[in-house]
PDB file of N, CA and C in Angstrom:
ATOM      1  N   MET A   1      78.882  80.783  54.531  1.00  0.00           N
ATOM      2  CA  MET A   1      79.588  79.530  54.432  1.00  0.00           C
ATOM      3  C   MET A   1      78.656  78.449  53.903  1.00  0.00           C
ATOM      4  N   LYS A   2      77.419  78.467  54.379  1.00  0.00           N
ATOM      5  CA  LYS A   2      76.453  77.477  53.890  1.00  0.00           C
ATOM      6  C   LYS A   2      76.235  77.632  52.388  1.00  0.00           C
ATOM      7  N   GLN A   3      76.066  78.872  51.936  1.00  0.00           N
ATOM      8  CA  GLN A   3      75.848  79.110  50.508  1.00  0.00           C
ATOM      9  C   GLN A   3      77.064  78.665  49.696  1.00  0.00           C
ATOM     10  N   LEU A   4      78.236  78.944  50.176  1.00  0.00           N
ATOM     11  CA  LEU A   4      79.444  78.531  49.470  1.00  0.00           C
ATOM     12  C   LEU A   4      79.499  77.013  49.334  1.00  0.00           C
ATOM     13  N   LYS A   5      79.253  76.310  50.417  1.00  0.00           N
ATOM     14  CA  LYS A   5      79.288  74.844  50.374  1.00  0.00           C
ATOM     15  C   LYS A   5      78.185  74.288  49.477  1.00  0.00           C
ATOM     16  N   ASP A   6      76.999  74.874  49.543  1.00  0.00           N
ATOM     17  CA  ASP A   6      75.897  74.426  48.684  1.00  0.00           C
ATOM     18  C   ASP A   6      76.235  74.629  47.210  1.00  0.00           C
ATOM     19  N   ARG A   7      76.780  75.784  46.882  1.00  0.00           N
ATOM     20  CA  ARG A   7      77.131  76.074  45.491  1.00  0.00           C
ATOM     21  C   ARG A   7      78.274  75.182  45.011  1.00  0.00           C
ATOM     22  N   TRP A   8      79.203  74.897  45.894  1.00  0.00           N
ATOM     23  CA  TRP A   8      80.324  74.009  45.535  1.00  0.00           C
ATOM     24  C   TRP A   8      79.792  72.615  45.199  1.00  0.00           C
ATOM     25  N   ARG A   9      78.924  72.107  46.066  1.00  0.00           N
ATOM     26  CA  ARG A   9      78.341  70.775  45.820  1.00  0.00           C
ATOM     27  C   ARG A   9      77.516  70.765  44.534  1.00  0.00           C
ATOM     28  N   ALA A  10      76.726  71.820  44.330  1.00  0.00           N
ATOM     29  CA  ALA A  10      75.855  71.892  43.152  1.00  0.00           C
ATOM     30  C   ALA A  10      76.657  71.952  41.854  1.00  0.00           C
ATOM     31  N   ALA A  11      77.852  72.497  41.908  1.00  0.00           N
ATOM     32  CA  ALA A  11      78.681  72.600  40.701  1.00  0.00           C
ATOM     33  C   ALA A  11      79.158  71.226  40.232  1.00  0.00           C
ATOM     34  N   GLY A  12      79.222  70.267  41.144  1.00  0.00           N
ATOM     35  CA  GLY A  12      79.578  68.902  40.772  1.00  0.00           C
ATOM     36  C   GLY A  12      81.001  68.719  40.275  1.00  0.00           C
ATOM     37  N   TYR A  13      81.936  69.435  40.871  1.00  0.00           N
ATOM     38  CA  TYR A  13      83.339  69.279  40.477  1.00  0.00           C
ATOM     39  C   TYR A  13      83.822  67.885  40.845  1.00  0.00           C
ATOM     40  N   SER A  14      84.082  67.064  39.836  1.00  0.00           N
ATOM     41  CA  SER A  14      84.471  65.683  40.119  1.00  0.00           C
ATOM     42  C   SER A  14      85.980  65.517  40.316  1.00  0.00           C
ATOM     43  N   HIS A  15      86.761  66.476  39.873  1.00  0.00           N
ATOM     44  CA  HIS A  15      88.214  66.356  39.988  1.00  0.00           C
ATOM     45  C   HIS A  15      88.828  67.442  40.863  1.00  0.00           C
ATOM     46  N   LEU A  16      88.000  68.113  41.637  1.00  0.00           N
ATOM     47  CA  LEU A  16      88.481  69.169  42.533  1.00  0.00           C
ATOM     48  C   LEU A  16      87.965  68.933  43.934  1.00  0.00           C
ATOM     49  N   GLU A  17      88.724  69.400  44.900  1.00  0.00           N
ATOM     50  CA  GLU A  17      88.226  69.386  46.272  1.00  0.00           C
ATOM     51  C   GLU A  17      88.399  70.783  46.851  1.00  0.00           C
ATOM     52  N   LEU A  18      87.498  71.175  47.702  1.00  0.00           N
ATOM     53  CA  LEU A  18      87.588  72.474  48.348  1.00  0.00           C
ATOM     54  C   LEU A  18      88.654  72.355  49.430  1.00  0.00           C
ATOM     55  N   ALA A  19      89.818  72.940  49.170  1.00  0.00           N
ATOM     56  CA  ALA A  19      90.970  72.752  50.052  1.00  0.00           C
ATOM     57  C   ALA A  19      91.163  73.903  51.027  1.00  0.00           C
ATOM     58  N   GLY A  20      90.379  74.947  50.929  1.00  0.00           N
ATOM     59  CA  GLY A  20      90.517  76.085  51.819  1.00  0.00           C
ATOM     60  C   GLY A  20      89.944  77.326  51.159  1.00  0.00           C
ATOM     61  N   LEU A  21      90.005  78.429  51.873  1.00  0.00           N
ATOM     62  CA  LEU A  21      89.523  79.695  51.335  1.00  0.00           C
ATOM     63  C   LEU A  21      90.613  80.743  51.441  1.00  0.00           C
ATOM     64  N   TYR A  22      90.654  81.613  50.434  1.00  0.00           N
ATOM     65  CA  TYR A  22      91.655  82.672  50.357  1.00  0.00           C
ATOM     66  C   TYR A  22      90.965  84.021  50.486  1.00  0.00           C
ATOM     67  N   TRP A  23      91.433  84.840  51.425  1.00  0.00           N
ATOM     68  CA  TRP A  23      90.906  86.188  51.596  1.00  0.00           C
ATOM     69  C   TRP A  23      91.637  87.084  50.612  1.00  0.00           C
ATOM     70  N   LEU A  24      90.914  87.667  49.665  1.00  0.00           N
ATOM     71  CA  LEU A  24      91.519  88.381  48.550  1.00  0.00           C
ATOM     72  C   LEU A  24      92.164  89.714  48.936  1.00  0.00           C
ATOM     73  N   SER A  25      91.530  90.483  49.787  1.00  0.00           N
ATOM     74  CA  SER A  25      92.076  91.793  50.152  1.00  0.00           C
ATOM     75  C   SER A  25      93.421  91.620  50.847  1.00  0.00           C
ATOM     76  N   GLU A  26      94.426  92.362  50.383  1.00  0.00           N
ATOM     77  CA  GLU A  26      95.771  92.197  50.921  1.00  0.00           C
ATOM     78  C   GLU A  26      96.071  93.099  52.103  1.00  0.00           C
ATOM     79  N   GLY A  27      95.130  93.864  52.540  1.00  0.00           N
ATOM     80  CA  GLY A  27      95.353  94.736  53.688  1.00  0.00           C
ATOM     81  C   GLY A  27      94.085  94.907  54.496  1.00  0.00           C
ATOM     82  N   VAL A  28      94.250  95.038  55.791  1.00  0.00           N
ATOM     83  CA  VAL A  28      93.127  95.316  56.686  1.00  0.00           C
ATOM     84  C   VAL A  28      93.519  96.559  57.481  1.00  0.00           C
ATOM     85  N   PRO A  29      92.934  97.708  57.142  1.00  0.00           N
ATOM     86  CA  PRO A  29      93.323  98.948  57.824  1.00  0.00           C
ATOM     87  C   PRO A  29      93.036  98.917  59.321  1.00  0.00           C
ATOM     88  N   ASN A  30      93.963  99.455  60.104  1.00  0.00           N
ATOM     89  CA  ASN A  30      93.786  99.517  61.559  1.00  0.00           C
ATOM     90  C   ASN A  30      92.545 100.295  61.965  1.00  0.00           C
ATOM     91  N   TYR A  31      92.207 101.321  61.192  1.00  0.00           N
ATOM     92  CA  TYR A  31      91.096 102.202  61.556  1.00  0.00           C
ATOM     93  C   TYR A  31      89.728 101.631  61.209  1.00  0.00           C
ATOM     94  N   ASP A  32      89.692 100.552  60.432  1.00  0.00           N
ATOM     95  CA  ASP A  32      88.409 100.005  59.975  1.00  0.00           C
ATOM     96  C   ASP A  32      88.029  98.787  60.816  1.00  0.00           C
ATOM     97  N   THR A  33      87.363  99.025  61.929  1.00  0.00           N
ATOM     98  CA  THR A  33      87.024  97.929  62.838  1.00  0.00           C
ATOM     99  C   THR A  33      86.056  96.939  62.194  1.00  0.00           C
ATOM    100  N   TYR A  34      85.254  97.401  61.237  1.00  0.00           N
ATOM    101  CA  TYR A  34      84.342  96.496  60.543  1.00  0.00           C
ATOM    102  C   TYR A  34      85.135  95.448  59.761  1.00  0.00           C
ATOM    103  N   ASP A  35      86.141  95.880  59.005  1.00  0.00           N
ATOM    104  CA  ASP A  35      86.955  94.941  58.238  1.00  0.00           C
ATOM    105  C   ASP A  35      87.696  93.970  59.150  1.00  0.00           C
ATOM    106  N   VAL A  36      88.212  94.478  60.247  1.00  0.00           N
ATOM    107  CA  VAL A  36      88.923  93.616  61.199  1.00  0.00           C
ATOM    108  C   VAL A  36      87.991  92.514  61.688  1.00  0.00           C
ATOM    109  N   LYS A  37      86.809  92.868  62.129  1.00  0.00           N
ATOM    110  CA  LYS A  37      85.835  91.883  62.624  1.00  0.00           C
ATOM    111  C   LYS A  37      85.382  90.940  61.519  1.00  0.00           C
ATOM    112  N   LEU A  38      85.226  91.459  60.299  1.00  0.00           N
ATOM    113  CA  LEU A  38      84.794  90.640  59.172  1.00  0.00           C
ATOM    114  C   LEU A  38      85.816  89.537  58.884  1.00  0.00           C
ATOM    115  N   VAL A  39      87.084  89.896  58.830  1.00  0.00           N
ATOM    116  CA  VAL A  39      88.123  88.901  58.562  1.00  0.00           C
ATOM    117  C   VAL A  39      88.190  87.883  59.704  1.00  0.00           C
ATOM    118  N   GLN A  40      88.125  88.347  60.929  1.00  0.00           N
ATOM    119  CA  GLN A  40      88.180  87.439  62.074  1.00  0.00           C
ATOM    120  C   GLN A  40      86.985  86.486  62.098  1.00  0.00           C
ATOM    121  N   THR A  41      85.805  86.995  61.809  1.00  0.00           N
ATOM    122  CA  THR A  41      84.601  86.156  61.790  1.00  0.00           C
ATOM    123  C   THR A  41      84.672  85.128  60.672  1.00  0.00           C
ATOM    124  N   MET A  42      85.092  85.567  59.496  1.00  0.00           N
ATOM    125  CA  MET A  42      85.212  84.635  58.374  1.00  0.00           C
ATOM    126  C   MET A  42      86.228  83.546  58.678  1.00  0.00           C
ATOM    127  N   SER A  43      87.321  83.920  59.296  1.00  0.00           N
ATOM    128  CA  SER A  43      88.342  82.942  59.665  1.00  0.00           C
ATOM    129  C   SER A  43      87.761  81.878  60.603  1.00  0.00           C
ATOM    130  N   LYS A  44      86.979  82.309  61.566  1.00  0.00           N
ATOM    131  CA  LYS A  44      86.347  81.355  62.497  1.00  0.00           C
ATOM    132  C   LYS A  44      85.402  80.416  61.759  1.00  0.00           C
ATOM    133  N   LEU A  45      84.607  80.961  60.832  1.00  0.00           N
ATOM    134  CA  LEU A  45      83.673  80.125  60.069  1.00  0.00           C
ATOM    135  C   LEU A  45      84.417  79.090  59.227  1.00  0.00           C
ATOM    136  N   VAL A  46      85.476  79.519  58.570  1.00  0.00           N
ATOM    137  CA  VAL A  46      86.247  78.607  57.723  1.00  0.00           C
ATOM    138  C   VAL A  46      86.904  77.522  58.577  1.00  0.00           C
ATOM    139  N   HIS A  47      87.496  77.902  59.688  1.00  0.00           N
ATOM    140  CA  HIS A  47      88.142  76.915  60.561  1.00  0.00           C
ATOM    141  C   HIS A  47      87.131  75.969  61.194  1.00  0.00           C
ATOM    142  N   ARG A  48      85.930  76.449  61.438  1.00  0.00           N
ATOM    143  CA  ARG A  48      84.883  75.577  61.973  1.00  0.00           C
ATOM    144  C   ARG A  48      84.574  74.443  60.994  1.00  0.00           C
ATOM    145  N   GLU A  49      84.766  74.720  59.718  1.00  0.00           N
ATOM    146  CA  GLU A  49      84.566  73.706  58.675  1.00  0.00           C
ATOM    147  C   GLU A  49      85.817  72.842  58.473  1.00  0.00           C
ATOM    148  N   ARG A  50      86.812  73.074  59.308  1.00  0.00           N
ATOM    149  CA  ARG A  50      88.094  72.343  59.253  1.00  0.00           C
ATOM    150  C   ARG A  50      88.813  72.545  57.918  1.00  0.00           C
ATOM    151  N   LEU A  51      88.756  73.793  57.452  1.00  0.00           N
ATOM    152  CA  LEU A  51      89.446  74.179  56.224  1.00  0.00           C
ATOM    153  C   LEU A  51      90.480  75.249  56.564  1.00  0.00           C
ATOM    154  N   PRO A  52      91.564  75.313  55.816  1.00  0.00           N
ATOM    155  CA  PRO A  52      92.519  76.395  56.034  1.00  0.00           C
ATOM    156  C   PRO A  52      91.986  77.720  55.467  1.00  0.00           C
ATOM    157  N   PHE A  53      92.402  78.789  56.100  1.00  0.00           N
ATOM    158  CA  PHE A  53      92.020  80.132  55.691  1.00  0.00           C
ATOM    159  C   PHE A  53      93.299  80.866  55.344  1.00  0.00           C
ATOM    160  N   PHE A  54      93.445  81.271  54.088  1.00  0.00           N
ATOM    161  CA  PHE A  54      94.668  81.904  53.624  1.00  0.00           C
ATOM    162  C   PHE A  54      94.479  83.405  53.495  1.00  0.00           C
ATOM    163  N   TRP A  55      95.444  84.145  54.010  1.00  0.00           N
ATOM    164  CA  TRP A  55      95.475  85.596  53.843  1.00  0.00           C
ATOM    165  C   TRP A  55      96.927  85.989  53.683  1.00  0.00           C
ATOM    166  N   ILE A  56      97.260  86.600  52.564  1.00  0.00           N
ATOM    167  CA  ILE A  56      98.642  86.974  52.294  1.00  0.00           C
ATOM    168  C   ILE A  56      98.685  88.488  52.072  1.00  0.00           C
ATOM    169  N   PRO A  57      98.948  89.248  53.147  1.00  0.00           N
ATOM    170  CA  PRO A  57      98.992  90.707  52.995  1.00  0.00           C
ATOM    171  C   PRO A  57     100.258  91.149  52.267  1.00  0.00           C
ATOM    172  N   TYR A  58     100.156  92.236  51.508  1.00  0.00           N
ATOM    173  CA  TYR A  58     101.361  92.780  50.896  1.00  0.00           C
ATOM    174  C   TYR A  58     102.242  93.367  51.989  1.00  0.00           C
ATOM    175  N   PHE A  59     103.502  93.608  51.685  1.00  0.00           N
ATOM    176  CA  PHE A  59     104.497  93.933  52.701  1.00  0.00           C
ATOM    177  C   PHE A  59     104.084  95.067  53.627  1.00  0.00           C
ATOM    178  N   TYR A  60     103.569  96.156  53.081  1.00  0.00           N
ATOM    179  CA  TYR A  60     103.123  97.259  53.921  1.00  0.00           C
ATOM    180  C   TYR A  60     101.602  97.293  54.035  1.00  0.00           C
ATOM    181  N   GLY A  61     100.969  96.165  53.844  1.00  0.00           N
ATOM    182  CA  GLY A  61      99.519  96.083  53.945  1.00  0.00           C
ATOM    183  C   GLY A  61      99.064  96.339  55.370  1.00  0.00           C
ATOM    184  N   GLY A  62      97.866  96.871  55.502  1.00  0.00           N
ATOM    185  CA  GLY A  62      97.343  97.145  56.829  1.00  0.00           C
ATOM    186  C   GLY A  62      97.351  95.898  57.696  1.00  0.00           C
ATOM    187  N   ASN A  63      97.976  95.985  58.832  1.00  0.00           N
ATOM    188  CA  ASN A  63      98.044  94.907  59.826  1.00  0.00           C
ATOM    189  C   ASN A  63      98.831  93.683  59.358  1.00  0.00           C
ATOM    190  N   ASN A  64      99.707  93.841  58.395  1.00  0.00           N
ATOM    191  CA  ASN A  64     100.465  92.680  57.932  1.00  0.00           C
ATOM    192  C   ASN A  64     101.319  92.076  59.040  1.00  0.00           C
ATOM    193  N   ALA A  65     101.812  92.888  59.958  1.00  0.00           N
ATOM    194  CA  ALA A  65     102.631  92.367  61.056  1.00  0.00           C
ATOM    195  C   ALA A  65     101.787  91.633  62.088  1.00  0.00           C
ATOM    196  N   ASN A  66     100.483  91.860  62.078  1.00  0.00           N
ATOM    197  CA  ASN A  66      99.582  91.225  63.044  1.00  0.00           C
ATOM    198  C   ASN A  66      98.749  90.138  62.408  1.00  0.00           C
ATOM    199  N   TRP A  67      99.244  89.486  61.380  1.00  0.00           N
ATOM    200  CA  TRP A  67      98.483  88.490  60.634  1.00  0.00           C
ATOM    201  C   TRP A  67      97.888  87.424  61.533  1.00  0.00           C
ATOM    202  N   ASP A  68      98.605  87.049  62.601  1.00  0.00           N
ATOM    203  CA  ASP A  68      98.126  85.959  63.453  1.00  0.00           C
ATOM    204  C   ASP A  68      96.864  86.311  64.228  1.00  0.00           C
ATOM    205  N   VAL A  69      96.548  87.580  64.346  1.00  0.00           N
ATOM    206  CA  VAL A  69      95.321  88.022  65.020  1.00  0.00           C
ATOM    207  C   VAL A  69      94.107  87.691  64.166  1.00  0.00           C
ATOM    208  N   TYR A  70      94.302  87.598  62.846  1.00  0.00           N
ATOM    209  CA  TYR A  70      93.197  87.414  61.917  1.00  0.00           C
ATOM    210  C   TYR A  70      92.938  85.956  61.569  1.00  0.00           C
ATOM    211  N   ILE A  71      93.963  85.151  61.531  1.00  0.00           N
ATOM    212  CA  ILE A  71      93.771  83.768  61.160  1.00  0.00           C
ATOM    213  C   ILE A  71      94.299  82.880  62.239  1.00  0.00           C
TER     214      ILE A  71
END
């Protein structure tokens, strides 16, 4: 998160604001506890910065019905 914020500031975007972060992977498999923890940890870091964290799983994506557990 620190590196992301540092790089954002260094880029000097004068007409953009960092409005949140989007998690690109559309599925989190139930069997992959590493991915589950990774998404949950990232969500906490993003929210700690008072930014929204977006995750839009595809319809049959892993854990799509449990989206609220991740964000």
